[in-house]
């Protein structure tokens, strides 16, 4: 038995991919390694999206944080991943591992944040589980979504020469409180996949410096990033914009032929949300623009 400890999140995911038998690709167009798993349902034109996500006290939130904001964050992380595949969320199961003192007012307020997100993004909480702990609280969300197969987007479709875009602004999420009140880009993602051929897309949870290499690797290409174009929050350095994480904006790749028209149409449809061209995908082996910044890794901090 291989007992070697893995201290790299991406390497850990790769090991699990080797250990778990993957089903036939026609039944499961996307499995381990994408923002969501996608499975074929009874309809020939749509796919079910499956996502699970977890927030842990002391890592993703603090006991002193507003409980409604914790509930919002817990479910919106999963919503953001479903949006990154071009889909809409449908149903959620919530598992709460709590200390006894959190089972009263704290739990009630936390669920108010969950229900606010459900109303905002159109999904339903249909069940879950409860367990007790004397340690850190844990909230796990299992969510389903749906997308027309012709609009389904993965990380692995990028092509050398594609233009890279990000929505919103990056960096300073913890300092600004954005990590507890971010807005999953559901409507924006659905609009993108319906009006343009988006080659690859994902949401930015671990920072651009971690997530852009993942998109490039999945697409078997490299990238060139121009950090002078990074859309940053006020007071945020380029290094922080690359590595802070918890932005939950969209990163996507589109062909050069569509890039100019996309920028024009975006300004018409989403005038209050920035869209920024930050670089291009390149031939495999090229990694320009990140410097020494690596982003967030659960098993290296």
C-alpha atoms as a PDB file:
ATOM      1  CA  UNK A   1       0.000   0.000   0.000  1.00  0.00           C
ATOM      2  CA  UNK A   2       1.282   3.459  -0.876  1.00  0.00           C
ATOM      3  CA  UNK A   3       1.326   5.400   2.379  1.00  0.00           C
ATOM      4  CA  UNK A   4       2.987   8.528   1.018  1.00  0.00           C
ATOM      5  CA  UNK A   5       1.237  11.661   2.231  1.00  0.00           C
ATOM      6  CA  UNK A   6       0.079  14.056  -0.469  1.00  0.00           C
ATOM      7  CA  UNK A   7       0.417  17.749   0.355  1.00  0.00           C
ATOM      8  CA  UNK A   8      -0.837  19.141  -2.969  1.00  0.00           C
ATOM      9  CA  UNK A   9      -4.557  19.466  -3.684  1.00  0.00           C
ATOM     10  CA  UNK A  10      -4.314  18.853  -7.440  1.00  0.00           C
ATOM     11  CA  UNK A  11      -2.139  15.774  -6.910  1.00  0.00           C
ATOM     12  CA  UNK A  12      -4.670  14.473  -4.391  1.00  0.00           C
ATOM     13  CA  UNK A  13      -7.485  14.830  -6.932  1.00  0.00           C
ATOM     14  CA  UNK A  14      -5.388  12.986  -9.531  1.00  0.00           C
ATOM     15  CA  UNK A  15      -4.790  10.092  -7.132  1.00  0.00           C
ATOM     16  CA  UNK A  16      -8.532   9.817  -6.434  1.00  0.00           C
ATOM     17  CA  UNK A  17      -9.199   9.760 -10.180  1.00  0.00           C
ATOM     18  CA  UNK A  18      -6.939   6.704 -10.453  1.00  0.00           C
ATOM     19  CA  UNK A  19      -8.513   5.000  -7.445  1.00  0.00           C
ATOM     20  CA  UNK A  20     -12.174   5.465  -8.412  1.00  0.00           C
ATOM     21  CA  UNK A  21     -13.566   3.631 -11.407  1.00  0.00           C
ATOM     22  CA  UNK A  22     -15.005   6.137 -13.859  1.00  0.00           C
ATOM     23  CA  UNK A  23     -18.221   5.195 -15.705  1.00  0.00           C
ATOM     24  CA  UNK A  24     -18.648   5.211 -19.458  1.00  0.00           C
ATOM     25  CA  UNK A  25     -18.175   8.706 -20.872  1.00  0.00           C
ATOM     26  CA  UNK A  26     -21.475   8.752 -22.752  1.00  0.00           C
ATOM     27  CA  UNK A  27     -23.391   8.350 -19.484  1.00  0.00           C
ATOM     28  CA  UNK A  28     -21.131  10.728 -17.575  1.00  0.00           C
ATOM     29  CA  UNK A  29     -19.784  13.497 -19.853  1.00  0.00           C
ATOM     30  CA  UNK A  30     -17.850  15.067 -16.937  1.00  0.00           C
ATOM     31  CA  UNK A  31     -16.643  13.392 -13.755  1.00  0.00           C
ATOM     32  CA  UNK A  32     -13.887  13.990 -11.203  1.00  0.00           C
ATOM     33  CA  UNK A  33     -11.789  17.080 -11.919  1.00  0.00           C
ATOM     34  CA  UNK A  34     -14.324  19.547 -13.341  1.00  0.00           C
ATOM     35  CA  UNK A  35     -16.351  22.198 -11.517  1.00  0.00           C
ATOM     36  CA  UNK A  36     -19.302  19.783 -11.527  1.00  0.00           C
ATOM     37  CA  UNK A  37     -19.981  16.217 -12.515  1.00  0.00           C
ATOM     38  CA  UNK A  38     -22.460  15.896 -15.381  1.00  0.00           C
ATOM     39  CA  UNK A  39     -24.660  12.856 -15.893  1.00  0.00           C
ATOM     40  CA  UNK A  40     -27.077  12.124 -18.668  1.00  0.00           C
ATOM     41  CA  UNK A  41     -30.733  12.073 -17.625  1.00  0.00           C
ATOM     42  CA  UNK A  42     -33.821  10.730 -19.380  1.00  0.00           C
ATOM     43  CA  UNK A  43     -33.836  13.740 -21.716  1.00  0.00           C
ATOM     44  CA  UNK A  44     -31.497  13.566 -24.695  1.00  0.00           C
ATOM     45  CA  UNK A  45     -31.066  17.333 -24.697  1.00  0.00           C
ATOM     46  CA  UNK A  46     -30.142  18.138 -21.080  1.00  0.00           C
ATOM     47  CA  UNK A  47     -27.631  17.073 -18.439  1.00  0.00           C
ATOM     48  CA  UNK A  48     -27.914  16.825 -14.677  1.00  0.00           C
ATOM     49  CA  UNK A  49     -25.132  18.672 -12.856  1.00  0.00           C
ATOM     50  CA  UNK A  50     -23.954  17.310  -9.495  1.00  0.00           C
ATOM     51  CA  UNK A  51     -21.877  19.308  -7.033  1.00  0.00           C
ATOM     52  CA  UNK A  52     -20.822  18.971  -3.412  1.00  0.00           C
ATOM     53  CA  UNK A  53     -19.026  21.650  -1.425  1.00  0.00           C
ATOM     54  CA  UNK A  54     -18.099  22.189   2.201  1.00  0.00           C
ATOM     55  CA  UNK A  55     -17.257  25.079   4.499  1.00  0.00           C
ATOM     56  CA  UNK A  56     -15.325  24.505   7.724  1.00  0.00           C
ATOM     57  CA  UNK A  57     -15.201  26.817  10.711  1.00  0.00           C
ATOM     58  CA  UNK A  58     -11.753  28.329  11.096  1.00  0.00           C
ATOM     59  CA  UNK A  59     -10.982  27.771   7.415  1.00  0.00           C
ATOM     60  CA  UNK A  60     -13.905  29.264   5.469  1.00  0.00           C
ATOM     61  CA  UNK A  61     -15.733  31.190   8.191  1.00  0.00           C
ATOM     62  CA  UNK A  62     -15.398  32.193  11.849  1.00  0.00           C
ATOM     63  CA  UNK A  63     -17.780  31.639  14.743  1.00  0.00           C
ATOM     64  CA  UNK A  64     -18.102  35.421  15.025  1.00  0.00           C
ATOM     65  CA  UNK A  65     -19.294  35.797  11.406  1.00  0.00           C
ATOM     66  CA  UNK A  66     -22.957  36.622  10.809  1.00  0.00           C
ATOM     67  CA  UNK A  67     -24.767  33.248  10.541  1.00  0.00           C
ATOM     68  CA  UNK A  68     -26.899  34.375   7.570  1.00  0.00           C
ATOM     69  CA  UNK A  69     -23.693  35.167   5.676  1.00  0.00           C
ATOM     70  CA  UNK A  70     -22.269  31.735   6.528  1.00  0.00           C
ATOM     71  CA  UNK A  71     -25.401  30.063   5.130  1.00  0.00           C
ATOM     72  CA  UNK A  72     -25.271  32.207   1.991  1.00  0.00           C
ATOM     73  CA  UNK A  73     -21.624  31.318   1.420  1.00  0.00           C
ATOM     74  CA  UNK A  74     -22.121  27.613   2.049  1.00  0.00           C
ATOM     75  CA  UNK A  75     -24.706  27.186  -0.711  1.00  0.00           C
ATOM     76  CA  UNK A  76     -23.453  29.876  -3.096  1.00  0.00           C
ATOM     77  CA  UNK A  77     -20.098  28.129  -3.480  1.00  0.00           C
ATOM     78  CA  UNK A  78     -21.967  25.236  -5.099  1.00  0.00           C
ATOM     79  CA  UNK A  79     -24.192  27.603  -7.102  1.00  0.00           C
ATOM     80  CA  UNK A  80     -21.068  29.281  -8.496  1.00  0.00           C
ATOM     81  CA  UNK A  81     -19.671  25.960  -9.730  1.00  0.00           C
ATOM     82  CA  UNK A  82     -22.939  25.067 -11.443  1.00  0.00           C
ATOM     83  CA  UNK A  83     -22.960  28.492 -13.115  1.00  0.00           C
ATOM     84  CA  UNK A  84     -19.407  27.873 -14.354  1.00  0.00           C
ATOM     85  CA  UNK A  85     -20.741  24.898 -16.328  1.00  0.00           C
ATOM     86  CA  UNK A  86     -23.446  27.063 -17.915  1.00  0.00           C
ATOM     87  CA  UNK A  87     -26.242  25.631 -15.775  1.00  0.00           C
ATOM     88  CA  UNK A  88     -28.802  26.628 -13.183  1.00  0.00           C
ATOM     89  CA  UNK A  89     -29.097  25.155  -9.666  1.00  0.00           C
ATOM     90  CA  UNK A  90     -32.169  23.014  -8.891  1.00  0.00           C
ATOM     91  CA  UNK A  91     -32.033  21.191  -5.538  1.00  0.00           C
ATOM     92  CA  UNK A  92     -29.825  21.126  -2.444  1.00  0.00           C
ATOM     93  CA  UNK A  93     -29.178  18.796   0.483  1.00  0.00           C
ATOM     94  CA  UNK A  94     -27.611  20.444   3.535  1.00  0.00           C
ATOM     95  CA  UNK A  95     -25.517  18.548   6.095  1.00  0.00           C
ATOM     96  CA  UNK A  96     -24.734  20.454   9.303  1.00  0.00           C
ATOM     97  CA  UNK A  97     -22.160  19.268  11.849  1.00  0.00           C
ATOM     98  CA  UNK A  98     -22.666  21.579  14.828  1.00  0.00           C
ATOM     99  CA  UNK A  99     -21.787  22.131  18.444  1.00  0.00           C
ATOM    100  CA  UNK A 100     -24.863  21.977  20.714  1.00  0.00           C
ATOM    101  CA  UNK A 101     -24.827  25.725  21.397  1.00  0.00           C
ATOM    102  CA  UNK A 102     -25.214  26.392  17.646  1.00  0.00           C
ATOM    103  CA  UNK A 103     -28.461  24.392  17.265  1.00  0.00           C
ATOM    104  CA  UNK A 104     -30.738  27.268  18.301  1.00  0.00           C
ATOM    105  CA  UNK A 105     -30.579  30.862  17.110  1.00  0.00           C
ATOM    106  CA  UNK A 106     -27.337  30.337  15.156  1.00  0.00           C
ATOM    107  CA  UNK A 107     -28.816  27.495  13.090  1.00  0.00           C
ATOM    108  CA  UNK A 108     -32.059  29.418  12.464  1.00  0.00           C
ATOM    109  CA  UNK A 109     -30.183  32.463  11.226  1.00  0.00           C
ATOM    110  CA  UNK A 110     -27.821  30.372   9.118  1.00  0.00           C
ATOM    111  CA  UNK A 111     -30.781  28.755   7.355  1.00  0.00           C
ATOM    112  CA  UNK A 112     -32.231  32.186   6.653  1.00  0.00           C
ATOM    113  CA  UNK A 113     -29.091  32.876   4.640  1.00  0.00           C
ATOM    114  CA  UNK A 114     -29.534  29.568   2.795  1.00  0.00           C
ATOM    115  CA  UNK A 115     -33.168  30.343   2.024  1.00  0.00           C
ATOM    116  CA  UNK A 116     -32.286  33.835   0.769  1.00  0.00           C
ATOM    117  CA  UNK A 117     -29.855  32.251  -1.698  1.00  0.00           C
ATOM    118  CA  UNK A 118     -32.484  29.689  -2.704  1.00  0.00           C
ATOM    119  CA  UNK A 119     -34.984  32.444  -3.516  1.00  0.00           C
ATOM    120  CA  UNK A 120     -32.356  34.494  -5.350  1.00  0.00           C
ATOM    121  CA  UNK A 121     -31.053  31.680  -7.572  1.00  0.00           C
ATOM    122  CA  UNK A 122     -34.159  29.529  -7.924  1.00  0.00           C
ATOM    123  CA  UNK A 123     -33.270  26.257  -6.189  1.00  0.00           C
ATOM    124  CA  UNK A 124     -35.007  24.304  -3.400  1.00  0.00           C
ATOM    125  CA  UNK A 125     -33.592  22.791  -0.208  1.00  0.00           C
ATOM    126  CA  UNK A 126     -35.036  19.263  -0.184  1.00  0.00           C
ATOM    127  CA  UNK A 127     -33.284  17.555   2.724  1.00  0.00           C
ATOM    128  CA  UNK A 128     -30.039  16.982   4.561  1.00  0.00           C
ATOM    129  CA  UNK A 129     -28.496  15.615   7.748  1.00  0.00           C
ATOM    130  CA  UNK A 130     -27.434  16.749  11.222  1.00  0.00           C
ATOM    131  CA  UNK A 131     -24.550  15.603  13.411  1.00  0.00           C
ATOM    132  CA  UNK A 132     -22.932  16.804  16.625  1.00  0.00           C
ATOM    133  CA  UNK A 133     -19.323  17.819  17.137  1.00  0.00           C
ATOM    134  CA  UNK A 134     -17.224  19.320  19.881  1.00  0.00           C
ATOM    135  CA  UNK A 135     -14.791  20.644  17.297  1.00  0.00           C
ATOM    136  CA  UNK A 136     -15.134  23.040  14.324  1.00  0.00           C
ATOM    137  CA  UNK A 137     -18.533  23.355  12.676  1.00  0.00           C
ATOM    138  CA  UNK A 138     -18.897  21.932   9.166  1.00  0.00           C
ATOM    139  CA  UNK A 139     -21.611  22.652   6.600  1.00  0.00           C
ATOM    140  CA  UNK A 140     -21.716  20.467   3.509  1.00  0.00           C
ATOM    141  CA  UNK A 141     -23.922  21.165   0.508  1.00  0.00           C
ATOM    142  CA  UNK A 142     -24.846  18.634  -2.166  1.00  0.00           C
ATOM    143  CA  UNK A 143     -26.511  20.388  -5.083  1.00  0.00           C
ATOM    144  CA  UNK A 144     -28.047  19.438  -8.393  1.00  0.00           C
ATOM    145  CA  UNK A 145     -28.338  21.613 -11.455  1.00  0.00           C
ATOM    146  CA  UNK A 146     -29.378  21.347 -15.075  1.00  0.00           C
ATOM    147  CA  UNK A 147     -27.996  22.531 -18.386  1.00  0.00           C
ATOM    148  CA  UNK A 148     -28.845  21.966 -22.045  1.00  0.00           C
ATOM    149  CA  UNK A 149     -26.168  19.651 -23.380  1.00  0.00           C
ATOM    150  CA  UNK A 150     -25.371  22.026 -26.244  1.00  0.00           C
ATOM    151  CA  UNK A 151     -24.572  24.752 -23.682  1.00  0.00           C
ATOM    152  CA  UNK A 152     -22.562  22.632 -21.248  1.00  0.00           C
ATOM    153  CA  UNK A 153     -19.038  24.016 -20.696  1.00  0.00           C
ATOM    154  CA  UNK A 154     -16.067  22.266 -19.105  1.00  0.00           C
ATOM    155  CA  UNK A 155     -12.533  23.318 -18.220  1.00  0.00           C
ATOM    156  CA  UNK A 156     -10.993  21.186 -20.926  1.00  0.00           C
ATOM    157  CA  UNK A 157     -12.121  22.896 -24.144  1.00  0.00           C
ATOM    158  CA  UNK A 158      -9.634  25.750 -24.329  1.00  0.00           C
ATOM    159  CA  UNK A 159      -7.514  26.175 -27.463  1.00  0.00           C
ATOM    160  CA  UNK A 160      -4.194  27.857 -28.078  1.00  0.00           C
ATOM    161  CA  UNK A 161      -4.920  31.430 -29.166  1.00  0.00           C
ATOM    162  CA  UNK A 162      -8.158  31.741 -27.210  1.00  0.00           C
ATOM    163  CA  UNK A 163      -8.737  35.015 -25.389  1.00  0.00           C
ATOM    164  CA  UNK A 164      -9.056  34.840 -21.589  1.00  0.00           C
ATOM    165  CA  UNK A 165     -11.638  36.923 -19.729  1.00  0.00           C
ATOM    166  CA  UNK A 166     -12.603  37.384 -16.085  1.00  0.00           C
ATOM    167  CA  UNK A 167     -15.722  38.972 -14.643  1.00  0.00           C
ATOM    168  CA  UNK A 168     -15.752  41.452 -11.765  1.00  0.00           C
ATOM    169  CA  UNK A 169     -12.702  42.406  -9.716  1.00  0.00           C
ATOM    170  CA  UNK A 170     -10.139  40.241  -7.945  1.00  0.00           C
ATOM    171  CA  UNK A 171      -8.249  40.158  -4.656  1.00  0.00           C
ATOM    172  CA  UNK A 172      -8.945  41.335  -1.131  1.00  0.00           C
ATOM    173  CA  UNK A 173     -11.927  39.032  -0.642  1.00  0.00           C
ATOM    174  CA  UNK A 174     -11.322  38.400   3.071  1.00  0.00           C
ATOM    175  CA  UNK A 175     -10.490  42.014   3.912  1.00  0.00           C
ATOM    176  CA  UNK A 176     -13.556  43.345   2.070  1.00  0.00           C
ATOM    177  CA  UNK A 177     -15.961  40.666   3.290  1.00  0.00           C
ATOM    178  CA  UNK A 178     -16.680  39.600  -0.297  1.00  0.00           C
ATOM    179  CA  UNK A 179     -16.008  35.962   0.622  1.00  0.00           C
ATOM    180  CA  UNK A 180     -19.245  35.975   2.668  1.00  0.00           C
ATOM    181  CA  UNK A 181     -21.474  37.958   0.282  1.00  0.00           C
ATOM    182  CA  UNK A 182     -20.235  37.156  -3.219  1.00  0.00           C
ATOM    183  CA  UNK A 183     -22.722  36.871  -6.068  1.00  0.00           C
ATOM    184  CA  UNK A 184     -22.551  33.683  -8.149  1.00  0.00           C
ATOM    185  CA  UNK A 185     -22.595  34.713 -11.822  1.00  0.00           C
ATOM    186  CA  UNK A 186     -25.521  32.519 -12.847  1.00  0.00           C
ATOM    187  CA  UNK A 187     -27.324  34.889 -15.215  1.00  0.00           C
ATOM    188  CA  UNK A 188     -24.062  36.036 -16.762  1.00  0.00           C
ATOM    189  CA  UNK A 189     -22.876  32.466 -17.379  1.00  0.00           C
ATOM    190  CA  UNK A 190     -26.200  31.369 -18.869  1.00  0.00           C
ATOM    191  CA  UNK A 191     -26.129  34.390 -21.174  1.00  0.00           C
ATOM    192  CA  UNK A 192     -22.556  33.634 -22.233  1.00  0.00           C
ATOM    193  CA  UNK A 193     -23.195  30.018 -23.208  1.00  0.00           C
ATOM    194  CA  UNK A 194     -26.402  30.862 -25.049  1.00  0.00           C
ATOM    195  CA  UNK A 195     -24.883  33.637 -27.152  1.00  0.00           C
ATOM    196  CA  UNK A 196     -21.255  32.611 -27.656  1.00  0.00           C
ATOM    197  CA  UNK A 197     -19.176  29.487 -28.110  1.00  0.00           C
ATOM    198  CA  UNK A 198     -17.367  29.459 -24.773  1.00  0.00           C
ATOM    199  CA  UNK A 199     -14.521  26.961 -25.125  1.00  0.00           C
ATOM    200  CA  UNK A 200     -13.678  26.567 -21.395  1.00  0.00           C
ATOM    201  CA  UNK A 201     -14.911  28.106 -18.161  1.00  0.00           C
ATOM    202  CA  UNK A 202     -14.560  27.787 -14.382  1.00  0.00           C
ATOM    203  CA  UNK A 203     -15.162  29.895 -11.297  1.00  0.00           C
ATOM    204  CA  UNK A 204     -12.292  31.443  -9.356  1.00  0.00           C
ATOM    205  CA  UNK A 205     -12.334  29.995  -5.850  1.00  0.00           C
ATOM    206  CA  UNK A 206      -8.631  29.414  -5.117  1.00  0.00           C
ATOM    207  CA  UNK A 207      -7.261  32.475  -6.888  1.00  0.00           C
ATOM    208  CA  UNK A 208      -6.386  33.073 -10.528  1.00  0.00           C
ATOM    209  CA  UNK A 209      -2.836  31.797  -9.909  1.00  0.00           C
ATOM    210  CA  UNK A 210      -4.221  28.393  -8.914  1.00  0.00           C
ATOM    211  CA  UNK A 211      -7.253  28.159 -11.177  1.00  0.00           C
ATOM    212  CA  UNK A 212      -5.859  29.396 -14.504  1.00  0.00           C
ATOM    213  CA  UNK A 213      -3.186  26.635 -14.562  1.00  0.00           C
ATOM    214  CA  UNK A 214      -5.958  24.113 -13.851  1.00  0.00           C
ATOM    215  CA  UNK A 215      -7.990  25.297 -16.821  1.00  0.00           C
ATOM    216  CA  UNK A 216      -4.903  25.285 -19.038  1.00  0.00           C
ATOM    217  CA  UNK A 217      -3.833  21.807 -17.902  1.00  0.00           C
ATOM    218  CA  UNK A 218      -7.320  20.393 -18.466  1.00  0.00           C
ATOM    219  CA  UNK A 219      -7.262  21.913 -21.963  1.00  0.00           C
ATOM    220  CA  UNK A 220      -3.715  20.657 -22.638  1.00  0.00           C
ATOM    221  CA  UNK A 221      -2.461  24.168 -23.414  1.00  0.00           C
ATOM    222  CA  UNK A 222      -0.387  26.906 -21.819  1.00  0.00           C
ATOM    223  CA  UNK A 223      -1.185  30.547 -21.122  1.00  0.00           C
ATOM    224  CA  UNK A 224       0.126  34.097 -21.259  1.00  0.00           C
ATOM    225  CA  UNK A 225      -1.250  36.452 -18.610  1.00  0.00           C
ATOM    226  CA  UNK A 226      -0.833  40.244 -18.594  1.00  0.00           C
ATOM    227  CA  UNK A 227      -1.015  41.246 -14.917  1.00  0.00           C
ATOM    228  CA  UNK A 228      -1.221  44.944 -15.826  1.00  0.00           C
ATOM    229  CA  UNK A 229      -4.774  44.268 -17.012  1.00  0.00           C
ATOM    230  CA  UNK A 230      -5.942  42.463 -13.861  1.00  0.00           C
ATOM    231  CA  UNK A 231      -9.166  44.028 -12.514  1.00  0.00           C
ATOM    232  CA  UNK A 232      -8.357  44.685  -8.851  1.00  0.00           C
ATOM    233  CA  UNK A 233     -10.228  45.962  -5.834  1.00  0.00           C
ATOM    234  CA  UNK A 234      -9.067  49.292  -4.473  1.00  0.00           C
ATOM    235  CA  UNK A 235      -5.795  48.898  -2.584  1.00  0.00           C
ATOM    236  CA  UNK A 236      -5.143  45.358  -3.854  1.00  0.00           C
ATOM    237  CA  UNK A 237      -1.745  44.491  -5.339  1.00  0.00           C
ATOM    238  CA  UNK A 238      -1.354  42.362  -8.495  1.00  0.00           C
ATOM    239  CA  UNK A 239       0.011  39.551  -6.308  1.00  0.00           C
ATOM    240  CA  UNK A 240      -3.085  39.664  -4.105  1.00  0.00           C
ATOM    241  CA  UNK A 241      -5.372  39.705  -7.147  1.00  0.00           C
ATOM    242  CA  UNK A 242      -3.618  36.557  -8.371  1.00  0.00           C
ATOM    243  CA  UNK A 243      -3.439  34.652  -5.121  1.00  0.00           C
ATOM    244  CA  UNK A 244      -5.981  35.715  -2.507  1.00  0.00           C
ATOM    245  CA  UNK A 245      -8.801  33.471  -3.743  1.00  0.00           C
ATOM    246  CA  UNK A 246     -12.510  33.378  -2.835  1.00  0.00           C
ATOM    247  CA  UNK A 247     -13.381  35.765  -5.679  1.00  0.00           C
ATOM    248  CA  UNK A 248     -16.017  33.454  -7.214  1.00  0.00           C
ATOM    249  CA  UNK A 249     -15.844  35.279 -10.531  1.00  0.00           C
ATOM    250  CA  UNK A 250     -15.906  33.551 -13.910  1.00  0.00           C
ATOM    251  CA  UNK A 251     -12.739  32.774 -15.851  1.00  0.00           C
ATOM    252  CA  UNK A 252     -13.407  31.725 -19.434  1.00  0.00           C
ATOM    253  CA  UNK A 253     -11.788  31.266 -22.835  1.00  0.00           C
ATOM    254  CA  UNK A 254     -13.311  32.246 -26.150  1.00  0.00           C
ATOM    255  CA  UNK A 255     -12.039  32.322 -29.721  1.00  0.00           C
ATOM    256  CA  UNK A 256     -10.446  35.517 -31.012  1.00  0.00           C
ATOM    257  CA  UNK A 257     -13.134  35.863 -33.648  1.00  0.00           C
ATOM    258  CA  UNK A 258     -15.769  36.330 -30.923  1.00  0.00           C
ATOM    259  CA  UNK A 259     -13.809  38.355 -28.375  1.00  0.00           C
ATOM    260  CA  UNK A 260     -14.484  41.890 -29.639  1.00  0.00           C
ATOM    261  CA  UNK A 261     -18.193  41.293 -30.210  1.00  0.00           C
ATOM    262  CA  UNK A 262     -18.483  39.665 -26.788  1.00  0.00           C
ATOM    263  CA  UNK A 263     -17.057  42.745 -25.074  1.00  0.00           C
ATOM    264  CA  UNK A 264     -19.517  45.001 -26.891  1.00  0.00           C
ATOM    265  CA  UNK A 265     -22.535  42.818 -26.126  1.00  0.00           C
ATOM    266  CA  UNK A 266     -21.457  42.361 -22.518  1.00  0.00           C
ATOM    267  CA  UNK A 267     -21.464  46.117 -21.889  1.00  0.00           C
ATOM    268  CA  UNK A 268     -24.997  46.310 -23.261  1.00  0.00           C
ATOM    269  CA  UNK A 269     -26.335  43.455 -21.152  1.00  0.00           C
ATOM    270  CA  UNK A 270     -24.307  43.799 -17.917  1.00  0.00           C
ATOM    271  CA  UNK A 271     -23.291  47.464 -17.680  1.00  0.00           C
ATOM    272  CA  UNK A 272     -22.657  47.259 -13.911  1.00  0.00           C
ATOM    273  CA  UNK A 273     -20.284  44.270 -14.000  1.00  0.00           C
ATOM    274  CA  UNK A 274     -16.767  44.550 -15.390  1.00  0.00           C
ATOM    275  CA  UNK A 275     -15.480  42.128 -17.979  1.00  0.00           C
ATOM    276  CA  UNK A 276     -11.719  42.190 -18.535  1.00  0.00           C
ATOM    277  CA  UNK A 277      -9.478  40.636 -21.153  1.00  0.00           C
ATOM    278  CA  UNK A 278      -6.461  39.366 -19.184  1.00  0.00           C
ATOM    279  CA  UNK A 279      -4.446  37.272 -21.641  1.00  0.00           C
ATOM    280  CA  UNK A 280      -4.543  34.300 -23.980  1.00  0.00           C
ATOM    281  CA  UNK A 281      -4.147  30.568 -24.001  1.00  0.00           C
ATOM    282  CA  UNK A 282      -0.917  29.472 -25.647  1.00  0.00           C
ATOM    283  CA  UNK A 283       0.843  26.331 -26.745  1.00  0.00           C
ATOM    284  CA  UNK A 284       1.488  23.684 -24.119  1.00  0.00           C
ATOM    285  CA  UNK A 285       4.421  24.412 -21.812  1.00  0.00           C
ATOM    286  CA  UNK A 286       4.088  28.208 -21.791  1.00  0.00           C
ATOM    287  CA  UNK A 287       3.232  29.688 -18.359  1.00  0.00           C
ATOM    288  CA  UNK A 288       3.747  33.443 -18.402  1.00  0.00           C
ATOM    289  CA  UNK A 289       2.531  36.082 -15.981  1.00  0.00           C
ATOM    290  CA  UNK A 290       2.142  34.354 -12.614  1.00  0.00           C
ATOM    291  CA  UNK A 291       5.630  34.902 -11.262  1.00  0.00           C
ATOM    292  CA  UNK A 292       6.030  33.149  -7.910  1.00  0.00           C
ATOM    293  CA  UNK A 293       2.339  33.416  -6.911  1.00  0.00           C
ATOM    294  CA  UNK A 294       0.588  30.056  -6.633  1.00  0.00           C
ATOM    295  CA  UNK A 295      -2.864  30.727  -5.137  1.00  0.00           C
ATOM    296  CA  UNK A 296      -4.616  28.771  -2.405  1.00  0.00           C
ATOM    297  CA  UNK A 297      -4.092  25.075  -1.761  1.00  0.00           C
ATOM    298  CA  UNK A 298      -5.952  23.337   1.082  1.00  0.00           C
ATOM    299  CA  UNK A 299      -3.068  20.973   1.758  1.00  0.00           C
ATOM    300  CA  UNK A 300      -0.180  23.452   1.601  1.00  0.00           C
ATOM    301  CA  UNK A 301      -1.380  25.996   4.189  1.00  0.00           C
END
